[in-house]
Amino acid sequence: MKKLLFCLIFLALLTGCAREETMETVGDVWDVPAMAVPRQILVDLPEDAAAGVLESDTGRIYIADDYEIMLETLESGDLDGTLRQLCGKGKDELTVMETQQDGLKRYEFVWVSAGERGEQLGRSVILDDGNYHYCLSVLRPEEAEETSQVVWSQVFQSFALS
């Protein structure tokens, strides 16, 4: 009986000494920096540009009889990649002018490409806020007799962000 009592007391004391197991899981949790919300593009479009509008994931294309206007928002960081996406040529194949506009980098360039109706002349402006490239591109026939009466300098000067 003494042995039994001794065993019961010993077991009772051991239960207080039991080690509590803790479960731990390991996972790779990386805080991915969130991209800034893209700003809104402001531009004074010609009246006849609003007739035909096509939308994509990155922007809009306005199609008129003798020109196309493209407004796109692309991720910043790779200027050469943006140039290639806009006109199919890299920075080493173009003359890109870099200036400043409202604290943003502004890139301007022109190019010539083959089109369905002959050579096409393109002009683009890119505003870079560090997160996104905001792009305005115009593509029109190279021949002067087919060009519209749009004052393109006003369109490009009106290009801004809100």
Foldseek 3Di string as FASTA:
>chain_A
DVVVVVVVVVVVVVVVVDDDDDDDDDDDDDDDDDFDDDFDKWFDDDPQQVPDWDADPFWIWGDGDFKIKTKGKAFDDDPQVVVCVVPNGGPVVWDWDWDDDPNWIKIKTKDWDADPVGIKIKIKIWTPPPTITIMIMMIGRPDPVRDDPDPVVRRVVRIDTD
